[in-house]
């Protein structure tokens, strides 16, 4: 997964499918989610798996209404198509990703 900043965000998400993990280093559930997303990213090479540290990117958090972490946002061709808040069970995460790839 690639860590990005606001200066890269729109270039990375303007085309194709992007899954963005809004996270914080001091968030235990965020740190638990990372290995799950790393594994899933190997199964979906057509998707850009990205990370945004909420401690450093206040404006992006406001724009995407990130109220708690972890929050996963799916963006297709620059438009938000899905959002999942919290640490989901692996099966729920897999279903969310599959549903948002359609």
PDB file of N, CA and C in Angstrom:
ATOM      1  N   UNK A   1       0.857  -1.182   0.000  1.00  0.00           N
ATOM      2  CA  UNK A   1       0.000   0.000   0.000  1.00  0.00           C
ATOM      3  C   UNK A   1       0.890   1.228   0.000  1.00  0.00           C
ATOM      4  N   UNK A   2       0.463   2.206  -0.738  1.00  0.00           N
ATOM      5  CA  UNK A   2       1.236   3.428  -0.889  1.00  0.00           C
ATOM      6  C   UNK A   2       0.667   4.524   0.011  1.00  0.00           C
ATOM      7  N   UNK A   3       1.522   5.130   0.836  1.00  0.00           N
ATOM      8  CA  UNK A   3       1.121   6.295   1.632  1.00  0.00           C
ATOM      9  C   UNK A   3       1.134   7.515   0.729  1.00  0.00           C
ATOM     10  N   UNK A   4       0.041   8.278   0.762  1.00  0.00           N
ATOM     11  CA  UNK A   4      -0.027   9.476  -0.070  1.00  0.00           C
ATOM     12  C   UNK A   4      -0.430  10.688   0.770  1.00  0.00           C
ATOM     13  N   UNK A   5      -0.138  11.852   0.220  1.00  0.00           N
ATOM     14  CA  UNK A   5      -0.513  13.118   0.848  1.00  0.00           C
ATOM     15  C   UNK A   5      -1.563  13.796  -0.018  1.00  0.00           C
ATOM     16  N   UNK A   6      -2.066  14.903   0.456  1.00  0.00           N
ATOM     17  CA  UNK A   6      -3.086  15.637  -0.308  1.00  0.00           C
ATOM     18  C   UNK A   6      -2.560  16.086  -1.666  1.00  0.00           C
ATOM     19  N   UNK A   7      -1.268  16.349  -1.771  1.00  0.00           N
ATOM     20  CA  UNK A   7      -0.721  16.790  -3.053  1.00  0.00           C
ATOM     21  C   UNK A   7      -0.757  15.682  -4.109  1.00  0.00           C
ATOM     22  N   UNK A   8      -0.803  14.429  -3.699  1.00  0.00           N
ATOM     23  CA  UNK A   8      -0.854  13.295  -4.621  1.00  0.00           C
ATOM     24  C   UNK A   8      -2.255  12.723  -4.775  1.00  0.00           C
ATOM     25  N   UNK A   9      -3.136  13.030  -3.848  1.00  0.00           N
ATOM     26  CA  UNK A   9      -4.412  12.351  -3.721  1.00  0.00           C
ATOM     27  C   UNK A   9      -5.222  12.344  -5.017  1.00  0.00           C
ATOM     28  N   UNK A  10      -5.447  13.494  -5.594  1.00  0.00           N
ATOM     29  CA  UNK A  10      -6.341  13.572  -6.750  1.00  0.00           C
ATOM     30  C   UNK A  10      -5.704  12.995  -8.008  1.00  0.00           C
ATOM     31  N   UNK A  11      -4.403  13.067  -8.130  1.00  0.00           N
ATOM     32  CA  UNK A  11      -3.716  12.429  -9.246  1.00  0.00           C
ATOM     33  C   UNK A  11      -3.843  10.915  -9.150  1.00  0.00           C
ATOM     34  N   UNK A  12      -3.730  10.399  -7.936  1.00  0.00           N
ATOM     35  CA  UNK A  12      -3.812   8.953  -7.719  1.00  0.00           C
ATOM     36  C   UNK A  12      -5.233   8.414  -7.903  1.00  0.00           C
ATOM     37  N   UNK A  13      -6.247   9.236  -7.623  1.00  0.00           N
ATOM     38  CA  UNK A  13      -7.625   8.734  -7.600  1.00  0.00           C
ATOM     39  C   UNK A  13      -8.494   9.204  -8.765  1.00  0.00           C
ATOM     40  N   UNK A  14      -7.939   9.948  -9.709  1.00  0.00           N
ATOM     41  CA  UNK A  14      -8.794  10.510 -10.765  1.00  0.00           C
ATOM     42  C   UNK A  14      -9.212   9.498 -11.823  1.00  0.00           C
ATOM     43  N   UNK A  15      -8.456   8.408 -11.991  1.00  0.00           N
ATOM     44  CA  UNK A  15      -8.847   7.363 -12.940  1.00  0.00           C
ATOM     45  C   UNK A  15      -8.697   5.991 -12.292  1.00  0.00           C
ATOM     46  N   UNK A  16      -9.533   5.077 -12.727  1.00  0.00           N
ATOM     47  CA  UNK A  16      -9.486   3.722 -12.200  1.00  0.00           C
ATOM     48  C   UNK A  16     -10.146   3.611 -10.840  1.00  0.00           C
ATOM     49  N   UNK A  17      -9.874   2.503 -10.174  1.00  0.00           N
ATOM     50  CA  UNK A  17     -10.456   2.238  -8.864  1.00  0.00           C
ATOM     51  C   UNK A  17      -9.369   2.373  -7.812  1.00  0.00           C
ATOM     52  N   UNK A  18      -9.662   3.161  -6.783  1.00  0.00           N
ATOM     53  CA  UNK A  18      -8.732   3.350  -5.675  1.00  0.00           C
ATOM     54  C   UNK A  18      -9.433   3.014  -4.369  1.00  0.00           C
ATOM     55  N   UNK A  19      -8.741   2.309  -3.504  1.00  0.00           N
ATOM     56  CA  UNK A  19      -9.222   2.052  -2.156  1.00  0.00           C
ATOM     57  C   UNK A  19      -8.281   2.805  -1.219  1.00  0.00           C
ATOM     58  N   UNK A  20      -8.840   3.734  -0.454  1.00  0.00           N
ATOM     59  CA  UNK A  20      -8.044   4.577   0.418  1.00  0.00           C
ATOM     60  C   UNK A  20      -8.330   4.230   1.869  1.00  0.00           C
ATOM     61  N   UNK A  21      -7.290   3.906   2.599  1.00  0.00           N
ATOM     62  CA  UNK A  21      -7.368   3.617   4.021  1.00  0.00           C
ATOM     63  C   UNK A  21      -6.985   4.895   4.769  1.00  0.00           C
ATOM     64  N   UNK A  22      -7.966   5.544   5.383  1.00  0.00           N
ATOM     65  CA  UNK A  22      -7.700   6.697   6.236  1.00  0.00           C
ATOM     66  C   UNK A  22      -7.366   6.136   7.609  1.00  0.00           C
ATOM     67  N   UNK A  23      -6.185   6.423   8.115  1.00  0.00           N
ATOM     68  CA  UNK A  23      -5.675   5.771   9.305  1.00  0.00           C
ATOM     69  C   UNK A  23      -4.860   6.738  10.158  1.00  0.00           C
ATOM     70  N   UNK A  24      -4.480   6.248  11.329  1.00  0.00           N
ATOM     71  CA  UNK A  24      -3.598   6.988  12.224  1.00  0.00           C
ATOM     72  C   UNK A  24      -2.641   5.997  12.870  1.00  0.00           C
ATOM     73  N   UNK A  25      -1.404   6.393  13.066  1.00  0.00           N
ATOM     74  CA  UNK A  25      -0.400   5.481  13.626  1.00  0.00           C
ATOM     75  C   UNK A  25      -0.696   5.078  15.061  1.00  0.00           C
ATOM     76  N   UNK A  26      -1.421   5.896  15.804  1.00  0.00           N
ATOM     77  CA  UNK A  26      -1.723   5.560  17.198  1.00  0.00           C
ATOM     78  C   UNK A  26      -3.040   4.799  17.352  1.00  0.00           C
ATOM     79  N   UNK A  27      -3.659   4.414  16.250  1.00  0.00           N
ATOM     80  CA  UNK A  27      -4.944   3.706  16.248  1.00  0.00           C
ATOM     81  C   UNK A  27      -4.694   2.197  16.135  1.00  0.00           C
ATOM     82  N   UNK A  28      -5.011   1.467  17.182  1.00  0.00           N
ATOM     83  CA  UNK A  28      -4.785   0.017  17.186  1.00  0.00           C
ATOM     84  C   UNK A  28      -5.608  -0.682  16.098  1.00  0.00           C
ATOM     85  N   UNK A  29      -6.910  -0.385  15.953  1.00  0.00           N
ATOM     86  CA  UNK A  29      -7.660  -1.032  14.858  1.00  0.00           C
ATOM     87  C   UNK A  29      -7.075  -0.725  13.474  1.00  0.00           C
ATOM     88  N   UNK A  30      -6.536   0.482  13.301  1.00  0.00           N
ATOM     89  CA  UNK A  30      -5.906   0.825  12.017  1.00  0.00           C
ATOM     90  C   UNK A  30      -4.723  -0.098  11.742  1.00  0.00           C
ATOM     91  N   UNK A  31      -3.923  -0.316  12.776  1.00  0.00           N
ATOM     92  CA  UNK A  31      -2.754  -1.178  12.623  1.00  0.00           C
ATOM     93  C   UNK A  31      -3.147  -2.631  12.403  1.00  0.00           C
ATOM     94  N   UNK A  32      -4.309  -3.024  12.906  1.00  0.00           N
ATOM     95  CA  UNK A  32      -4.808  -4.378  12.670  1.00  0.00           C
ATOM     96  C   UNK A  32      -5.364  -4.531  11.255  1.00  0.00           C
ATOM     97  N   UNK A  33      -5.875  -3.457  10.682  1.00  0.00           N
ATOM     98  CA  UNK A  33      -6.461  -3.490   9.344  1.00  0.00           C
ATOM     99  C   UNK A  33      -5.393  -3.589   8.253  1.00  0.00           C
ATOM    100  N   UNK A  34      -4.248  -2.997   8.476  1.00  0.00           N
ATOM    101  CA  UNK A  34      -3.208  -2.936   7.448  1.00  0.00           C
ATOM    102  C   UNK A  34      -2.844  -4.300   6.874  1.00  0.00           C
ATOM    103  N   UNK A  35      -2.576  -5.338   7.692  1.00  0.00           N
ATOM    104  CA  UNK A  35      -2.239  -6.635   7.085  1.00  0.00           C
ATOM    105  C   UNK A  35      -3.374  -7.245   6.265  1.00  0.00           C
ATOM    106  N   UNK A  36      -4.615  -6.991   6.674  1.00  0.00           N
ATOM    107  CA  UNK A  36      -5.758  -7.491   5.894  1.00  0.00           C
ATOM    108  C   UNK A  36      -5.785  -6.828   4.517  1.00  0.00           C
ATOM    109  N   UNK A  37      -5.599  -5.510   4.491  1.00  0.00           N
ATOM    110  CA  UNK A  37      -5.606  -4.802   3.210  1.00  0.00           C
ATOM    111  C   UNK A  37      -4.406  -5.180   2.352  1.00  0.00           C
ATOM    112  N   UNK A  38      -3.258  -5.402   2.976  1.00  0.00           N
ATOM    113  CA  UNK A  38      -2.077  -5.843   2.222  1.00  0.00           C
ATOM    114  C   UNK A  38      -2.357  -7.166   1.519  1.00  0.00           C
ATOM    115  N   UNK A  39      -2.990  -8.092   2.221  1.00  0.00           N
ATOM    116  CA  UNK A  39      -3.316  -9.397   1.633  1.00  0.00           C
ATOM    117  C   UNK A  39      -4.318  -9.242   0.493  1.00  0.00           C
ATOM    118  N   UNK A  40      -5.369  -8.473   0.725  1.00  0.00           N
ATOM    119  CA  UNK A  40      -6.400  -8.285  -0.299  1.00  0.00           C
ATOM    120  C   UNK A  40      -5.825  -7.560  -1.520  1.00  0.00           C
ATOM    121  N   UNK A  41      -4.886  -6.648  -1.297  1.00  0.00           N
ATOM    122  CA  UNK A  41      -4.311  -5.905  -2.424  1.00  0.00           C
ATOM    123  C   UNK A  41      -3.600  -6.828  -3.406  1.00  0.00           C
ATOM    124  N   UNK A  42      -3.042  -7.928  -2.930  1.00  0.00           N
ATOM    125  CA  UNK A  42      -2.370  -8.865  -3.839  1.00  0.00           C
ATOM    126  C   UNK A  42      -3.373  -9.605  -4.710  1.00  0.00           C
ATOM    127  N   UNK A  43      -4.634  -9.686  -4.255  1.00  0.00           N
ATOM    128  CA  UNK A  43      -5.679 -10.372  -5.008  1.00  0.00           C
ATOM    129  C   UNK A  43      -6.362  -9.457  -6.021  1.00  0.00           C
ATOM    130  N   UNK A  44      -6.094  -8.157  -5.941  1.00  0.00           N
ATOM    131  CA  UNK A  44      -6.752  -7.178  -6.817  1.00  0.00           C
ATOM    132  C   UNK A  44      -5.733  -6.190  -7.387  1.00  0.00           C
ATOM    133  N   UNK A  45      -4.900  -6.639  -8.304  1.00  0.00           N
ATOM    134  CA  UNK A  45      -3.880  -5.739  -8.864  1.00  0.00           C
ATOM    135  C   UNK A  45      -4.470  -4.585  -9.677  1.00  0.00           C
ATOM    136  N   UNK A  46      -5.736  -4.686 -10.052  1.00  0.00           N
ATOM    137  CA  UNK A  46      -6.379  -3.618 -10.823  1.00  0.00           C
ATOM    138  C   UNK A  46      -6.789  -2.429  -9.951  1.00  0.00           C
ATOM    139  N   UNK A  47      -6.673  -2.572  -8.637  1.00  0.00           N
ATOM    140  CA  UNK A  47      -7.083  -1.532  -7.696  1.00  0.00           C
ATOM    141  C   UNK A  47      -5.848  -0.895  -7.080  1.00  0.00           C
ATOM    142  N   UNK A  48      -5.870   0.445  -6.965  1.00  0.00           N
ATOM    143  CA  UNK A  48      -4.809   1.141  -6.245  1.00  0.00           C
ATOM    144  C   UNK A  48      -5.171   1.133  -4.764  1.00  0.00           C
ATOM    145  N   UNK A  49      -4.337   0.539  -3.943  1.00  0.00           N
ATOM    146  CA  UNK A  49      -4.525   0.532  -2.496  1.00  0.00           C
ATOM    147  C   UNK A  49      -3.636   1.625  -1.917  1.00  0.00           C
ATOM    148  N   UNK A  50      -4.269   2.616  -1.299  1.00  0.00           N
ATOM    149  CA  UNK A  50      -3.570   3.806  -0.819  1.00  0.00           C
ATOM    150  C   UNK A  50      -3.866   4.043   0.653  1.00  0.00           C
ATOM    151  N   UNK A  51      -2.981   4.763   1.328  1.00  0.00           N
ATOM    152  CA  UNK A  51      -3.164   5.117   2.734  1.00  0.00           C
ATOM    153  C   UNK A  51      -3.021   6.624   2.895  1.00  0.00           C
ATOM    154  N   UNK A  52      -3.882   7.195   3.743  1.00  0.00           N
ATOM    155  CA  UNK A  52      -3.797   8.619   4.088  1.00  0.00           C
ATOM    156  C   UNK A  52      -3.758   8.710   5.613  1.00  0.00           C
ATOM    157  N   UNK A  53      -2.705   9.313   6.129  1.00  0.00           N
ATOM    158  CA  UNK A  53      -2.575   9.510   7.570  1.00  0.00           C
ATOM    159  C   UNK A  53      -3.416  10.718   7.974  1.00  0.00           C
ATOM    160  N   UNK A  54      -4.451  10.470   8.765  1.00  0.00           N
ATOM    161  CA  UNK A  54      -5.380  11.551   9.137  1.00  0.00           C
ATOM    162  C   UNK A  54      -4.725  12.603  10.008  1.00  0.00           C
ATOM    163  N   UNK A  55      -3.648  12.255  10.684  1.00  0.00           N
ATOM    164  CA  UNK A  55      -2.957  13.228  11.532  1.00  0.00           C
ATOM    165  C   UNK A  55      -2.285  14.320  10.707  1.00  0.00           C
ATOM    166  N   UNK A  56      -2.025  14.037   9.441  1.00  0.00           N
ATOM    167  CA  UNK A  56      -1.310  14.984   8.579  1.00  0.00           C
ATOM    168  C   UNK A  56      -2.181  15.598   7.495  1.00  0.00           C
ATOM    169  N   UNK A  57      -3.387  15.098   7.283  1.00  0.00           N
ATOM    170  CA  UNK A  57      -4.195  15.512   6.128  1.00  0.00           C
ATOM    171  C   UNK A  57      -5.606  15.950   6.546  1.00  0.00           C
ATOM    172  N   UNK A  58      -5.678  17.010   7.308  1.00  0.00           N
ATOM    173  CA  UNK A  58      -6.953  17.500   7.833  1.00  0.00           C
ATOM    174  C   UNK A  58      -7.948  17.846   6.730  1.00  0.00           C
ATOM    175  N   UNK A  59      -7.497  18.513   5.679  1.00  0.00           N
ATOM    176  CA  UNK A  59      -8.412  18.932   4.609  1.00  0.00           C
ATOM    177  C   UNK A  59      -9.039  17.741   3.891  1.00  0.00           C
ATOM    178  N   UNK A  60      -8.257  16.696   3.640  1.00  0.00           N
ATOM    179  CA  UNK A  60      -8.827  15.496   3.015  1.00  0.00           C
ATOM    180  C   UNK A  60      -9.848  14.843   3.934  1.00  0.00           C
ATOM    181  N   UNK A  61      -9.558  14.842   5.213  1.00  0.00           N
ATOM    182  CA  UNK A  61     -10.504  14.258   6.180  1.00  0.00           C
ATOM    183  C   UNK A  61     -11.821  15.027   6.181  1.00  0.00           C
ATOM    184  N   UNK A  62     -11.747  16.323   6.103  1.00  0.00           N
ATOM    185  CA  UNK A  62     -12.964  17.124   6.049  1.00  0.00           C
ATOM    186  C   UNK A  62     -13.728  16.859   4.750  1.00  0.00           C
ATOM    187  N   UNK A  63     -13.019  16.824   3.649  1.00  0.00           N
ATOM    188  CA  UNK A  63     -13.658  16.617   2.349  1.00  0.00           C
ATOM    189  C   UNK A  63     -14.381  15.272   2.270  1.00  0.00           C
ATOM    190  N   UNK A  64     -13.784  14.230   2.844  1.00  0.00           N
ATOM    191  CA  UNK A  64     -14.365  12.891   2.777  1.00  0.00           C
ATOM    192  C   UNK A  64     -15.101  12.496   4.058  1.00  0.00           C
ATOM    193  N   UNK A  65     -15.343  13.473   4.910  1.00  0.00           N
ATOM    194  CA  UNK A  65     -16.136  13.298   6.137  1.00  0.00           C
ATOM    195  C   UNK A  65     -15.630  12.130   6.975  1.00  0.00           C
ATOM    196  N   UNK A  66     -14.335  12.144   7.247  1.00  0.00           N
ATOM    197  CA  UNK A  66     -13.720  11.109   8.070  1.00  0.00           C
ATOM    198  C   UNK A  66     -13.867  11.536   9.528  1.00  0.00           C
ATOM    199  N   UNK A  67     -14.736  10.846  10.253  1.00  0.00           N
ATOM    200  CA  UNK A  67     -15.002  11.190  11.650  1.00  0.00           C
ATOM    201  C   UNK A  67     -14.288  10.249  12.611  1.00  0.00           C
ATOM    202  N   UNK A  68     -13.948   9.053  12.138  1.00  0.00           N
ATOM    203  CA  UNK A  68     -13.212   8.108  12.968  1.00  0.00           C
ATOM    204  C   UNK A  68     -12.357   7.229  12.064  1.00  0.00           C
ATOM    205  N   UNK A  69     -11.384   6.589  12.679  1.00  0.00           N
ATOM    206  CA  UNK A  69     -10.486   5.722  11.928  1.00  0.00           C
ATOM    207  C   UNK A  69     -10.490   4.339  12.551  1.00  0.00           C
ATOM    208  N   UNK A  70     -10.251   3.327  11.739  1.00  0.00           N
ATOM    209  CA  UNK A  70      -9.998   3.406  10.308  1.00  0.00           C
ATOM    210  C   UNK A  70     -11.288   3.630   9.516  1.00  0.00           C
ATOM    211  N   UNK A  71     -11.140   4.299   8.399  1.00  0.00           N
ATOM    212  CA  UNK A  71     -12.223   4.445   7.432  1.00  0.00           C
ATOM    213  C   UNK A  71     -11.656   4.127   6.054  1.00  0.00           C
ATOM    214  N   UNK A  72     -12.355   3.274   5.329  1.00  0.00           N
ATOM    215  CA  UNK A  72     -11.962   2.916   3.966  1.00  0.00           C
ATOM    216  C   UNK A  72     -12.916   3.613   3.013  1.00  0.00           C
ATOM    217  N   UNK A  73     -12.356   4.283   2.017  1.00  0.00           N
ATOM    218  CA  UNK A  73     -13.146   4.953   0.990  1.00  0.00           C
ATOM    219  C   UNK A  73     -12.744   4.365  -0.356  1.00  0.00           C
ATOM    220  N   UNK A  74     -13.734   4.019  -1.168  1.00  0.00           N
ATOM    221  CA  UNK A  74     -13.483   3.541  -2.524  1.00  0.00           C
ATOM    222  C   UNK A  74     -13.861   4.657  -3.486  1.00  0.00           C
ATOM    223  N   UNK A  75     -12.949   4.943  -4.400  1.00  0.00           N
ATOM    224  CA  UNK A  75     -13.162   5.995  -5.399  1.00  0.00           C
ATOM    225  C   UNK A  75     -12.965   5.386  -6.776  1.00  0.00           C
ATOM    226  N   UNK A  76     -13.960   5.579  -7.646  1.00  0.00           N
ATOM    227  CA  UNK A  76     -13.878   5.138  -9.036  1.00  0.00           C
ATOM    228  C   UNK A  76     -13.872   6.366  -9.928  1.00  0.00           C
ATOM    229  N   UNK A  77     -12.835   6.501 -10.704  1.00  0.00           N
ATOM    230  CA  UNK A  77     -12.704   7.617 -11.643  1.00  0.00           C
ATOM    231  C   UNK A  77     -13.025   8.950 -10.979  1.00  0.00           C
ATOM    232  N   UNK A  78     -12.493   9.159  -9.780  1.00  0.00           N
ATOM    233  CA  UNK A  78     -12.638  10.425  -9.089  1.00  0.00           C
ATOM    234  C   UNK A  78     -13.901  10.592  -8.259  1.00  0.00           C
ATOM    235  N   UNK A  79     -14.794   9.594  -8.273  1.00  0.00           N
ATOM    236  CA  UNK A  79     -16.060   9.705  -7.536  1.00  0.00           C
ATOM    237  C   UNK A  79     -16.127   8.639  -6.443  1.00  0.00           C
ATOM    238  N   UNK A  80     -16.536   9.070  -5.248  1.00  0.00           N
ATOM    239  CA  UNK A  80     -16.669   8.142  -4.134  1.00  0.00           C
ATOM    240  C   UNK A  80     -17.829   7.187  -4.381  1.00  0.00           C
ATOM    241  N   UNK A  81     -17.553   5.890  -4.251  1.00  0.00           N
ATOM    242  CA  UNK A  81     -18.590   4.883  -4.476  1.00  0.00           C
ATOM    243  C   UNK A  81     -18.861   4.026  -3.251  1.00  0.00           C
ATOM    244  N   UNK A  82     -18.014   4.109  -2.239  1.00  0.00           N
ATOM    245  CA  UNK A  82     -18.224   3.312  -1.040  1.00  0.00           C
ATOM    246  C   UNK A  82     -17.425   3.821   0.131  1.00  0.00           C
ATOM    247  N   UNK A  83     -17.933   3.526   1.325  1.00  0.00           N
ATOM    248  CA  UNK A  83     -17.259   3.949   2.550  1.00  0.00           C
ATOM    249  C   UNK A  83     -17.552   2.913   3.637  1.00  0.00           C
ATOM    250  N   UNK A  84     -16.525   2.526   4.366  1.00  0.00           N
ATOM    251  CA  UNK A  84     -16.652   1.554   5.442  1.00  0.00           C
ATOM    252  C   UNK A  84     -15.872   2.083   6.641  1.00  0.00           C
ATOM    253  N   UNK A  85     -16.566   2.234   7.769  1.00  0.00           N
ATOM    254  CA  UNK A  85     -15.957   2.806   8.971  1.00  0.00           C
ATOM    255  C   UNK A  85     -15.728   1.707   9.998  1.00  0.00           C
ATOM    256  N   UNK A  86     -14.545   1.720  10.601  1.00  0.00           N
ATOM    257  CA  UNK A  86     -14.226   0.773  11.655  1.00  0.00           C
ATOM    258  C   UNK A  86     -13.429  -0.408  11.133  1.00  0.00           C
ATOM    259  N   UNK A  87     -13.091  -1.304  12.052  1.00  0.00           N
ATOM    260  CA  UNK A  87     -12.344  -2.507  11.712  1.00  0.00           C
ATOM    261  C   UNK A  87     -13.330  -3.642  11.449  1.00  0.00           C
ATOM    262  N   UNK A  88     -13.539  -3.976  10.182  1.00  0.00           N
ATOM    263  CA  UNK A  88     -14.509  -5.033   9.866  1.00  0.00           C
ATOM    264  C   UNK A  88     -13.896  -6.419  10.009  1.00  0.00           C
ATOM    265  N   UNK A  89     -14.752  -7.409  10.162  1.00  0.00           N
ATOM    266  CA  UNK A  89     -14.312  -8.798  10.093  1.00  0.00           C
ATOM    267  C   UNK A  89     -13.801  -9.047   8.665  1.00  0.00           C
ATOM    268  N   UNK A  90     -12.846  -9.943   8.477  1.00  0.00           N
ATOM    269  CA  UNK A  90     -12.302 -10.184   7.133  1.00  0.00           C
ATOM    270  C   UNK A  90     -13.364 -10.488   6.078  1.00  0.00           C
ATOM    271  N   UNK A  91     -14.383 -11.256   6.404  1.00  0.00           N
ATOM    272  CA  UNK A  91     -15.423 -11.590   5.420  1.00  0.00           C
ATOM    273  C   UNK A  91     -16.215 -10.350   5.021  1.00  0.00           C
ATOM    274  N   UNK A  92     -16.494  -9.480   5.973  1.00  0.00           N
ATOM    275  CA  UNK A  92     -17.226  -8.240   5.672  1.00  0.00           C
ATOM    276  C   UNK A  92     -16.370  -7.329   4.806  1.00  0.00           C
ATOM    277  N   UNK A  93     -15.086  -7.240   5.111  1.00  0.00           N
ATOM    278  CA  UNK A  93     -14.173  -6.425   4.305  1.00  0.00           C
ATOM    279  C   UNK A  93     -14.103  -6.963   2.877  1.00  0.00           C
ATOM    280  N   UNK A  94     -13.987  -8.267   2.723  1.00  0.00           N
ATOM    281  CA  UNK A  94     -13.918  -8.866   1.388  1.00  0.00           C
ATOM    282  C   UNK A  94     -15.200  -8.596   0.598  1.00  0.00           C
ATOM    283  N   UNK A  95     -16.346  -8.716   1.245  1.00  0.00           N
ATOM    284  CA  UNK A  95     -17.625  -8.448   0.581  1.00  0.00           C
ATOM    285  C   UNK A  95     -17.724  -6.986   0.181  1.00  0.00           C
ATOM    286  N   UNK A  96     -17.327  -6.088   1.063  1.00  0.00           N
ATOM    287  CA  UNK A  96     -17.341  -4.654   0.758  1.00  0.00           C
ATOM    288  C   UNK A  96     -16.497  -4.354  -0.465  1.00  0.00           C
ATOM    289  N   UNK A  97     -15.303  -4.913  -0.510  1.00  0.00           N
ATOM    290  CA  UNK A  97     -14.406  -4.655  -1.638  1.00  0.00           C
ATOM    291  C   UNK A  97     -14.975  -5.249  -2.919  1.00  0.00           C
ATOM    292  N   UNK A  98     -15.438  -6.480  -2.869  1.00  0.00           N
ATOM    293  CA  UNK A  98     -16.024  -7.095  -4.060  1.00  0.00           C
ATOM    294  C   UNK A  98     -17.215  -6.291  -4.583  1.00  0.00           C
ATOM    295  N   UNK A  99     -18.078  -5.837  -3.679  1.00  0.00           N
ATOM    296  CA  UNK A  99     -19.261  -5.058  -4.094  1.00  0.00           C
ATOM    297  C   UNK A  99     -18.867  -3.729  -4.723  1.00  0.00           C
ATOM    298  N   UNK A 100     -17.768  -3.161  -4.289  1.00  0.00           N
ATOM    299  CA  UNK A 100     -17.349  -1.863  -4.808  1.00  0.00           C
ATOM    300  C   UNK A 100     -16.457  -1.967  -6.040  1.00  0.00           C
ATOM    301  N   UNK A 101     -16.120  -3.169  -6.440  1.00  0.00           N
ATOM    302  CA  UNK A 101     -15.343  -3.340  -7.657  1.00  0.00           C
ATOM    303  C   UNK A 101     -16.227  -3.534  -8.880  1.00  0.00           C
ATOM    304  N   UNK A 102     -17.502  -3.716  -8.644  1.00  0.00           N
ATOM    305  CA  UNK A 102     -18.444  -3.965  -9.749  1.00  0.00           C
ATOM    306  C   UNK A 102     -18.744  -2.695 -10.505  1.00  0.00           C
TER     307      UNK A 102
END
